[in-house]
Amino acid sequence: MASLVYVLGALTTLFCAILLLRGYAHTRQKLLFWIGLCFAVLTLSNVLLFFDLVLLPNVNLHLTRLGTAARAMALLVFGLVWESER
């Protein structure tokens, strides 16, 4: 049951990333790009969560997952700051 939740979480963030980047392609609003990029990296973080806890339970990917999520948040903060200065 937990593996289903991990997969659904990854699919949800992937779907959000696709919609946000598609919106950016149509409107060219930079904030949509940064948020879409954040969600794309969060998708990678969720996929790593699935690999860490379900597929490779003997391998510890905890720091890798946290680093990926931190990069996603850093992209979001950078995009917000960059766009607020314009």
PDB file of N, CA and C in Angstrom:
ATOM      1  N   MET A   1       0.816  -1.197   0.000  1.00  0.00           N
ATOM      2  CA  MET A   1       0.000   0.000   0.000  1.00  0.00           C
ATOM      3  C   MET A   1       0.861   1.262   0.000  1.00  0.00           C
ATOM      4  N   ALA A   2       1.952   1.238   0.756  1.00  0.00           N
ATOM      5  CA  ALA A   2       2.830   2.406   0.813  1.00  0.00           C
ATOM      6  C   ALA A   2       3.472   2.665  -0.541  1.00  0.00           C
ATOM      7  N   SER A   3       3.828   1.612  -1.257  1.00  0.00           N
ATOM      8  CA  SER A   3       4.450   1.803  -2.566  1.00  0.00           C
ATOM      9  C   SER A   3       3.490   2.480  -3.537  1.00  0.00           C
ATOM     10  N   LEU A   4       2.203   2.194  -3.419  1.00  0.00           N
ATOM     11  CA  LEU A   4       1.209   2.849  -4.268  1.00  0.00           C
ATOM     12  C   LEU A   4       1.157   4.349  -3.984  1.00  0.00           C
ATOM     13  N   VAL A   5       1.258   4.718  -2.724  1.00  0.00           N
ATOM     14  CA  VAL A   5       1.255   6.132  -2.344  1.00  0.00           C
ATOM     15  C   VAL A   5       2.495   6.834  -2.910  1.00  0.00           C
ATOM     16  N   TYR A   6       3.657   6.175  -2.857  1.00  0.00           N
ATOM     17  CA  TYR A   6       4.878   6.766  -3.400  1.00  0.00           C
ATOM     18  C   TYR A   6       4.765   6.969  -4.904  1.00  0.00           C
ATOM     19  N   VAL A   7       4.215   5.991  -5.598  1.00  0.00           N
ATOM     20  CA  VAL A   7       4.056   6.105  -7.049  1.00  0.00           C
ATOM     21  C   VAL A   7       3.049   7.203  -7.390  1.00  0.00           C
ATOM     22  N   LEU A   8       1.945   7.257  -6.669  1.00  0.00           N
ATOM     23  CA  LEU A   8       0.952   8.301  -6.924  1.00  0.00           C
ATOM     24  C   LEU A   8       1.510   9.697  -6.639  1.00  0.00           C
ATOM     25  N   GLY A   9       2.327   9.813  -5.620  1.00  0.00           N
ATOM     26  CA  GLY A   9       2.967  11.098  -5.329  1.00  0.00           C
ATOM     27  C   GLY A   9       3.903  11.529  -6.443  1.00  0.00           C
ATOM     28  N   ALA A  10       4.680  10.582  -6.973  1.00  0.00           N
ATOM     29  CA  ALA A  10       5.579  10.896  -8.078  1.00  0.00           C
ATOM     30  C   ALA A  10       4.801  11.264  -9.333  1.00  0.00           C
ATOM     31  N   LEU A  11       3.731  10.536  -9.606  1.00  0.00           N
ATOM     32  CA  LEU A  11       2.919  10.851 -10.786  1.00  0.00           C
ATOM     33  C   LEU A  11       2.231  12.210 -10.657  1.00  0.00           C
ATOM     34  N   THR A  12       1.800  12.535  -9.452  1.00  0.00           N
ATOM     35  CA  THR A  12       1.152  13.831  -9.233  1.00  0.00           C
ATOM     36  C   THR A  12       2.122  14.975  -9.455  1.00  0.00           C
ATOM     37  N   THR A  13       3.327  14.875  -8.907  1.00  0.00           N
ATOM     38  CA  THR A  13       4.299  15.948  -9.103  1.00  0.00           C
ATOM     39  C   THR A  13       4.740  16.023 -10.560  1.00  0.00           C
ATOM     40  N   LEU A  14       4.833  14.878 -11.234  1.00  0.00           N
ATOM     41  CA  LEU A  14       5.157  14.882 -12.663  1.00  0.00           C
ATOM     42  C   LEU A  14       4.067  15.581 -13.459  1.00  0.00           C
ATOM     43  N   PHE A  15       2.812  15.286 -13.159  1.00  0.00           N
ATOM     44  CA  PHE A  15       1.690  15.906 -13.850  1.00  0.00           C
ATOM     45  C   PHE A  15       1.690  17.418 -13.616  1.00  0.00           C
ATOM     46  N   CYS A  16       1.950  17.845 -12.387  1.00  0.00           N
ATOM     47  CA  CYS A  16       2.012  19.281 -12.087  1.00  0.00           C
ATOM     48  C   CYS A  16       3.155  19.939 -12.859  1.00  0.00           C
ATOM     49  N   ALA A  17       4.315  19.279 -12.911  1.00  0.00           N
ATOM     50  CA  ALA A  17       5.458  19.832 -13.647  1.00  0.00           C
ATOM     51  C   ALA A  17       5.130  19.979 -15.128  1.00  0.00           C
ATOM     52  N   ILE A  18       4.487  18.975 -15.697  1.00  0.00           N
ATOM     53  CA  ILE A  18       4.120  19.038 -17.106  1.00  0.00           C
ATOM     54  C   ILE A  18       3.150  20.185 -17.360  1.00  0.00           C
ATOM     55  N   LEU A  19       2.143  20.310 -16.523  1.00  0.00           N
ATOM     56  CA  LEU A  19       1.166  21.389 -16.707  1.00  0.00           C
ATOM     57  C   LEU A  19       1.801  22.771 -16.542  1.00  0.00           C
ATOM     58  N   LEU A  20       2.669  22.914 -15.561  1.00  0.00           N
ATOM     59  CA  LEU A  20       3.307  24.210 -15.345  1.00  0.00           C
ATOM     60  C   LEU A  20       4.247  24.565 -16.496  1.00  0.00           C
ATOM     61  N   LEU A  21       5.043  23.613 -16.959  1.00  0.00           N
ATOM     62  CA  LEU A  21       5.952  23.895 -18.058  1.00  0.00           C
ATOM     63  C   LEU A  21       5.200  24.105 -19.369  1.00  0.00           C
ATOM     64  N   ARG A  22       4.088  23.423 -19.525  1.00  0.00           N
ATOM     65  CA  ARG A  22       3.245  23.656 -20.695  1.00  0.00           C
ATOM     66  C   ARG A  22       2.635  25.061 -20.654  1.00  0.00           C
ATOM     67  N   GLY A  23       2.220  25.482 -19.465  1.00  0.00           N
ATOM     68  CA  GLY A  23       1.719  26.838 -19.297  1.00  0.00           C
ATOM     69  C   GLY A  23       2.795  27.867 -19.595  1.00  0.00           C
ATOM     70  N   TYR A  24       4.022  27.571 -19.193  1.00  0.00           N
ATOM     71  CA  TYR A  24       5.129  28.475 -19.506  1.00  0.00           C
ATOM     72  C   TYR A  24       5.357  28.563 -21.014  1.00  0.00           C
ATOM     73  N   ALA A  25       5.262  27.441 -21.701  1.00  0.00           N
ATOM     74  CA  ALA A  25       5.471  27.435 -23.147  1.00  0.00           C
ATOM     75  C   ALA A  25       4.430  28.288 -23.867  1.00  0.00           C
ATOM     76  N   HIS A  26       3.242  28.372 -23.312  1.00  0.00           N
ATOM     77  CA  HIS A  26       2.187  29.153 -23.948  1.00  0.00           C
ATOM     78  C   HIS A  26       2.246  30.635 -23.584  1.00  0.00           C
ATOM     79  N   THR A  27       2.579  30.957 -22.336  1.00  0.00           N
ATOM     80  CA  THR A  27       2.504  32.342 -21.880  1.00  0.00           C
ATOM     81  C   THR A  27       3.864  33.022 -21.740  1.00  0.00           C
ATOM     82  N   ARG A  28       4.922  32.239 -21.629  1.00  0.00           N
ATOM     83  CA  ARG A  28       6.285  32.752 -21.429  1.00  0.00           C
ATOM     84  C   ARG A  28       6.432  33.567 -20.148  1.00  0.00           C
ATOM     85  N   GLN A  29       5.662  33.216 -19.131  1.00  0.00           N
ATOM     86  CA  GLN A  29       5.832  33.843 -17.828  1.00  0.00           C
ATOM     87  C   GLN A  29       6.911  33.069 -17.077  1.00  0.00           C
ATOM     88  N   LYS A  30       7.966  33.771 -16.718  1.00  0.00           N
ATOM     89  CA  LYS A  30       9.144  33.118 -16.137  1.00  0.00           C
ATOM     90  C   LYS A  30       8.850  32.391 -14.825  1.00  0.00           C
ATOM     91  N   LEU A  31       7.915  32.912 -14.048  1.00  0.00           N
ATOM     92  CA  LEU A  31       7.609  32.276 -12.770  1.00  0.00           C
ATOM     93  C   LEU A  31       7.064  30.862 -12.974  1.00  0.00           C
ATOM     94  N   LEU A  32       6.279  30.660 -14.022  1.00  0.00           N
ATOM     95  CA  LEU A  32       5.796  29.316 -14.337  1.00  0.00           C
ATOM     96  C   LEU A  32       6.951  28.382 -14.644  1.00  0.00           C
ATOM     97  N   PHE A  33       7.981  28.903 -15.305  1.00  0.00           N
ATOM     98  CA  PHE A  33       9.161  28.096 -15.610  1.00  0.00           C
ATOM     99  C   PHE A  33       9.848  27.633 -14.332  1.00  0.00           C
ATOM    100  N   TRP A  34      10.079  28.561 -13.403  1.00  0.00           N
ATOM    101  CA  TRP A  34      10.789  28.215 -12.170  1.00  0.00           C
ATOM    102  C   TRP A  34       9.984  27.238 -11.314  1.00  0.00           C
ATOM    103  N   ILE A  35       8.686  27.443 -11.234  1.00  0.00           N
ATOM    104  CA  ILE A  35       7.852  26.542 -10.444  1.00  0.00           C
ATOM    105  C   ILE A  35       7.771  25.171 -11.118  1.00  0.00           C
ATOM    106  N   GLY A  36       7.672  25.157 -12.443  1.00  0.00           N
ATOM    107  CA  GLY A  36       7.666  23.882 -13.174  1.00  0.00           C
ATOM    108  C   GLY A  36       8.965  23.130 -13.001  1.00  0.00           C
ATOM    109  N   LEU A  37      10.089  23.855 -13.018  1.00  0.00           N
ATOM    110  CA  LEU A  37      11.382  23.225 -12.788  1.00  0.00           C
ATOM    111  C   LEU A  37      11.475  22.663 -11.377  1.00  0.00           C
ATOM    112  N   CYS A  38      10.940  23.395 -10.412  1.00  0.00           N
ATOM    113  CA  CYS A  38      10.898  22.912  -9.031  1.00  0.00           C
ATOM    114  C   CYS A  38      10.114  21.607  -8.940  1.00  0.00           C
ATOM    115  N   PHE A  39       8.960  21.553  -9.578  1.00  0.00           N
ATOM    116  CA  PHE A  39       8.158  20.338  -9.529  1.00  0.00           C
ATOM    117  C   PHE A  39       8.825  19.186 -10.275  1.00  0.00           C
ATOM    118  N   ALA A  40       9.583  19.488 -11.320  1.00  0.00           N
ATOM    119  CA  ALA A  40      10.307  18.432 -12.025  1.00  0.00           C
ATOM    120  C   ALA A  40      11.369  17.801 -11.112  1.00  0.00           C
ATOM    121  N   VAL A  41      12.058  18.632 -10.355  1.00  0.00           N
ATOM    122  CA  VAL A  41      13.059  18.103  -9.420  1.00  0.00           C
ATOM    123  C   VAL A  41      12.382  17.400  -8.249  1.00  0.00           C
ATOM    124  N   LEU A  42      11.221  17.890  -7.818  1.00  0.00           N
ATOM    125  CA  LEU A  42      10.470  17.190  -6.772  1.00  0.00           C
ATOM    126  C   LEU A  42       9.994  15.818  -7.260  1.00  0.00           C
ATOM    127  N   THR A  43       9.708  15.713  -8.559  1.00  0.00           N
ATOM    128  CA  THR A  43       9.366  14.408  -9.124  1.00  0.00           C
ATOM    129  C   THR A  43      10.539  13.458  -8.966  1.00  0.00           C
ATOM    130  N   LEU A  44      11.737  13.948  -9.269  1.00  0.00           N
ATOM    131  CA  LEU A  44      12.937  13.123  -9.087  1.00  0.00           C
ATOM    132  C   LEU A  44      13.092  12.716  -7.628  1.00  0.00           C
ATOM    133  N   SER A  45      12.811  13.631  -6.719  1.00  0.00           N
ATOM    134  CA  SER A  45      12.889  13.315  -5.293  1.00  0.00           C
ATOM    135  C   SER A  45      11.895  12.221  -4.907  1.00  0.00           C
ATOM    136  N   ASN A  46      10.692  12.289  -5.450  1.00  0.00           N
ATOM    137  CA  ASN A  46       9.692  11.259  -5.159  1.00  0.00           C
ATOM    138  C   ASN A  46      10.060   9.916  -5.770  1.00  0.00           C
ATOM    139  N   VAL A  47      10.670   9.931  -6.940  1.00  0.00           N
ATOM    140  CA  VAL A  47      11.134   8.674  -7.547  1.00  0.00           C
ATOM    141  C   VAL A  47      12.248   8.076  -6.693  1.00  0.00           C
ATOM    142  N   LEU A  48      13.138   8.929  -6.189  1.00  0.00           N
ATOM    143  CA  LEU A  48      14.186   8.440  -5.292  1.00  0.00           C
ATOM    144  C   LEU A  48      13.602   7.861  -4.008  1.00  0.00           C
ATOM    145  N   LEU A  49      12.526   8.457  -3.526  1.00  0.00           N
ATOM    146  CA  LEU A  49      11.845   7.912  -2.345  1.00  0.00           C
ATOM    147  C   LEU A  49      11.349   6.501  -2.612  1.00  0.00           C
ATOM    148  N   PHE A  50      10.745   6.293  -3.771  1.00  0.00           N
ATOM    149  CA  PHE A  50      10.264   4.964  -4.137  1.00  0.00           C
ATOM    150  C   PHE A  50      11.425   3.978  -4.232  1.00  0.00           C
ATOM    151  N   PHE A  51      12.515   4.390  -4.874  1.00  0.00           N
ATOM    152  CA  PHE A  51      13.673   3.511  -4.980  1.00  0.00           C
ATOM    153  C   PHE A  51      14.260   3.210  -3.612  1.00  0.00           C
ATOM    154  N   ASP A  52      14.341   4.221  -2.763  1.00  0.00           N
ATOM    155  CA  ASP A  52      14.950   4.063  -1.447  1.00  0.00           C
ATOM    156  C   ASP A  52      14.158   3.118  -0.551  1.00  0.00           C
ATOM    157  N   LEU A  53      12.857   3.287  -0.502  1.00  0.00           N
ATOM    158  CA  LEU A  53      12.061   2.530   0.466  1.00  0.00           C
ATOM    159  C   LEU A  53      11.459   1.242  -0.079  1.00  0.00           C
ATOM    160  N   VAL A  54      11.281   1.140  -1.403  1.00  0.00           N
ATOM    161  CA  VAL A  54      10.613  -0.029  -1.959  1.00  0.00           C
ATOM    162  C   VAL A  54      11.579  -0.919  -2.738  1.00  0.00           C
ATOM    163  N   LEU A  55      12.260  -0.353  -3.724  1.00  0.00           N
ATOM    164  CA  LEU A  55      13.081  -1.178  -4.607  1.00  0.00           C
ATOM    165  C   LEU A  55      14.441  -1.529  -4.023  1.00  0.00           C
ATOM    166  N   LEU A  56      15.055  -0.591  -3.310  1.00  0.00           N
ATOM    167  CA  LEU A  56      16.387  -0.816  -2.744  1.00  0.00           C
ATOM    168  C   LEU A  56      16.379  -0.573  -1.237  1.00  0.00           C
ATOM    169  N   PRO A  57      15.718  -1.434  -0.466  1.00  0.00           N
ATOM    170  CA  PRO A  57      15.605  -1.159   0.974  1.00  0.00           C
ATOM    171  C   PRO A  57      16.937  -1.245   1.723  1.00  0.00           C
ATOM    172  N   ASN A  58      17.930  -1.923   1.149  1.00  0.00           N
ATOM    173  CA  ASN A  58      19.222  -2.050   1.824  1.00  0.00           C
ATOM    174  C   ASN A  58      20.162  -0.889   1.532  1.00  0.00           C
ATOM    175  N   VAL A  59      19.809  -0.046   0.572  1.00  0.00           N
ATOM    176  CA  VAL A  59      20.636   1.101   0.209  1.00  0.00           C
ATOM    177  C   VAL A  59      20.018   2.354   0.822  1.00  0.00           C
ATOM    178  N   ASN A  60      20.850   3.159   1.464  1.00  0.00           N
ATOM    179  CA  ASN A  60      20.354   4.361   2.119  1.00  0.00           C
ATOM    180  C   ASN A  60      20.485   5.554   1.168  1.00  0.00           C
ATOM    181  N   LEU A  61      19.364   6.030   0.658  1.00  0.00           N
ATOM    182  CA  LEU A  61      19.333   7.190  -0.231  1.00  0.00           C
ATOM    183  C   LEU A  61      18.736   8.413   0.451  1.00  0.00           C
ATOM    184  N   HIS A  62      18.721   8.393   1.761  1.00  0.00           N
ATOM    185  CA  HIS A  62      18.067   9.461   2.528  1.00  0.00           C
ATOM    186  C   HIS A  62      18.688  10.827   2.230  1.00  0.00           C
ATOM    187  N   LEU A  63      20.010  10.938   2.294  1.00  0.00           N
ATOM    188  CA  LEU A  63      20.666  12.221   2.052  1.00  0.00           C
ATOM    189  C   LEU A  63      20.510  12.663   0.603  1.00  0.00           C
ATOM    190  N   THR A  64      20.497  11.723  -0.313  1.00  0.00           N
ATOM    191  CA  THR A  64      20.286  12.054  -1.724  1.00  0.00           C
ATOM    192  C   THR A  64      18.890  12.614  -1.933  1.00  0.00           C
ATOM    193  N   ARG A  65      17.901  11.989  -1.302  1.00  0.00           N
ATOM    194  CA  ARG A  65      16.522  12.486  -1.407  1.00  0.00           C
ATOM    195  C   ARG A  65      16.391  13.875  -0.817  1.00  0.00           C
ATOM    196  N   LEU A  66      16.987  14.086   0.354  1.00  0.00           N
ATOM    197  CA  LEU A  66      16.912  15.399   0.990  1.00  0.00           C
ATOM    198  C   LEU A  66      17.640  16.461   0.168  1.00  0.00           C
ATOM    199  N   GLY A  67      18.778  16.095  -0.403  1.00  0.00           N
ATOM    200  CA  GLY A  67      19.518  17.031  -1.249  1.00  0.00           C
ATOM    201  C   GLY A  67      18.733  17.412  -2.491  1.00  0.00           C
ATOM    202  N   THR A  68      18.051  16.433  -3.075  1.00  0.00           N
ATOM    203  CA  THR A  68      17.239  16.711  -4.259  1.00  0.00           C
ATOM    204  C   THR A  68      16.073  17.624  -3.907  1.00  0.00           C
ATOM    205  N   ALA A  69      15.417  17.367  -2.803  1.00  0.00           N
ATOM    206  CA  ALA A  69      14.303  18.222  -2.383  1.00  0.00           C
ATOM    207  C   ALA A  69      14.798  19.626  -2.038  1.00  0.00           C
ATOM    208  N   ALA A  70      15.977  19.731  -1.443  1.00  0.00           N
ATOM    209  CA  ALA A  70      16.542  21.044  -1.123  1.00  0.00           C
ATOM    210  C   ALA A  70      16.865  21.817  -2.398  1.00  0.00           C
ATOM    211  N   ARG A  71      17.367  21.120  -3.414  1.00  0.00           N
ATOM    212  CA  ARG A  71      17.634  21.775  -4.700  1.00  0.00           C
ATOM    213  C   ARG A  71      16.335  22.284  -5.331  1.00  0.00           C
ATOM    214  N   ALA A  72      15.286  21.493  -5.200  1.00  0.00           N
ATOM    215  CA  ALA A  72      13.994  21.921  -5.750  1.00  0.00           C
ATOM    216  C   ALA A  72      13.508  23.188  -5.056  1.00  0.00           C
ATOM    217  N   MET A  73      13.622  23.222  -3.748  1.00  0.00           N
ATOM    218  CA  MET A  73      13.190  24.407  -3.011  1.00  0.00           C
ATOM    219  C   MET A  73      14.084  25.604  -3.317  1.00  0.00           C
ATOM    220  N   ALA A  74      15.386  25.352  -3.512  1.00  0.00           N
ATOM    221  CA  ALA A  74      16.300  26.435  -3.866  1.00  0.00           C
ATOM    222  C   ALA A  74      15.932  27.014  -5.231  1.00  0.00           C
ATOM    223  N   LEU A  75      15.543  26.169  -6.171  1.00  0.00           N
ATOM    224  CA  LEU A  75      15.089  26.658  -7.470  1.00  0.00           C
ATOM    225  C   LEU A  75      13.845  27.521  -7.324  1.00  0.00           C
ATOM    226  N   LEU A  76      12.939  27.097  -6.486  1.00  0.00           N
ATOM    227  CA  LEU A  76      11.707  27.854  -6.274  1.00  0.00           C
ATOM    228  C   LEU A  76      12.008  29.211  -5.641  1.00  0.00           C
ATOM    229  N   VAL A  77      12.837  29.225  -4.624  1.00  0.00           N
ATOM    230  CA  VAL A  77      13.186  30.483  -3.958  1.00  0.00           C
ATOM    231  C   VAL A  77      13.938  31.399  -4.924  1.00  0.00           C
ATOM    232  N   PHE A  78      14.867  30.831  -5.679  1.00  0.00           N
ATOM    233  CA  PHE A  78      15.605  31.641  -6.652  1.00  0.00           C
ATOM    234  C   PHE A  78      14.656  32.261  -7.670  1.00  0.00           C
ATOM    235  N   GLY A  79      13.745  31.463  -8.181  1.00  0.00           N
ATOM    236  CA  GLY A  79      12.782  31.975  -9.147  1.00  0.00           C
ATOM    237  C   GLY A  79      11.889  33.060  -8.574  1.00  0.00           C
ATOM    238  N   LEU A  80      11.458  32.869  -7.346  1.00  0.00           N
ATOM    239  CA  LEU A  80      10.623  33.894  -6.700  1.00  0.00           C
ATOM    240  C   LEU A  80      11.379  35.194  -6.482  1.00  0.00           C
ATOM    241  N   VAL A  81      12.621  35.088  -6.032  1.00  0.00           N
ATOM    242  CA  VAL A  81      13.430  36.289  -5.801  1.00  0.00           C
ATOM    243  C   VAL A  81      13.776  36.952  -7.128  1.00  0.00           C
ATOM    244  N   TRP A  82      14.159  36.158  -8.111  1.00  0.00           N
ATOM    245  CA  TRP A  82      14.536  36.689  -9.421  1.00  0.00           C
ATOM    246  C   TRP A  82      13.369  37.446 -10.064  1.00  0.00           C
ATOM    247  N   GLU A  83      12.183  36.891  -9.968  1.00  0.00           N
ATOM    248  CA  GLU A  83      11.024  37.519 -10.591  1.00  0.00           C
ATOM    249  C   GLU A  83      10.492  38.698  -9.780  1.00  0.00           C
ATOM    250  N   SER A  84      10.742  38.717  -8.477  1.00  0.00           N
ATOM    251  CA  SER A  84      10.254  39.846  -7.677  1.00  0.00           C
ATOM    252  C   SER A  84      11.112  41.076  -7.891  1.00  0.00           C
ATOM    253  N   GLU A  85      12.341  40.897  -8.334  1.00  0.00           N
ATOM    254  CA  GLU A  85      13.241  42.030  -8.571  1.00  0.00           C
ATOM    255  C   GLU A  85      12.955  42.721  -9.895  1.00  0.00           C
ATOM    256  N   ARG A  86      12.214  42.096 -10.763  1.00  0.00           N
ATOM    257  CA  ARG A  86      11.947  42.676 -12.083  1.00  0.00           C
ATOM    258  C   ARG A  86      10.818  43.644 -12.024  1.00  0.00           C
TER     259      ARG A  86
END
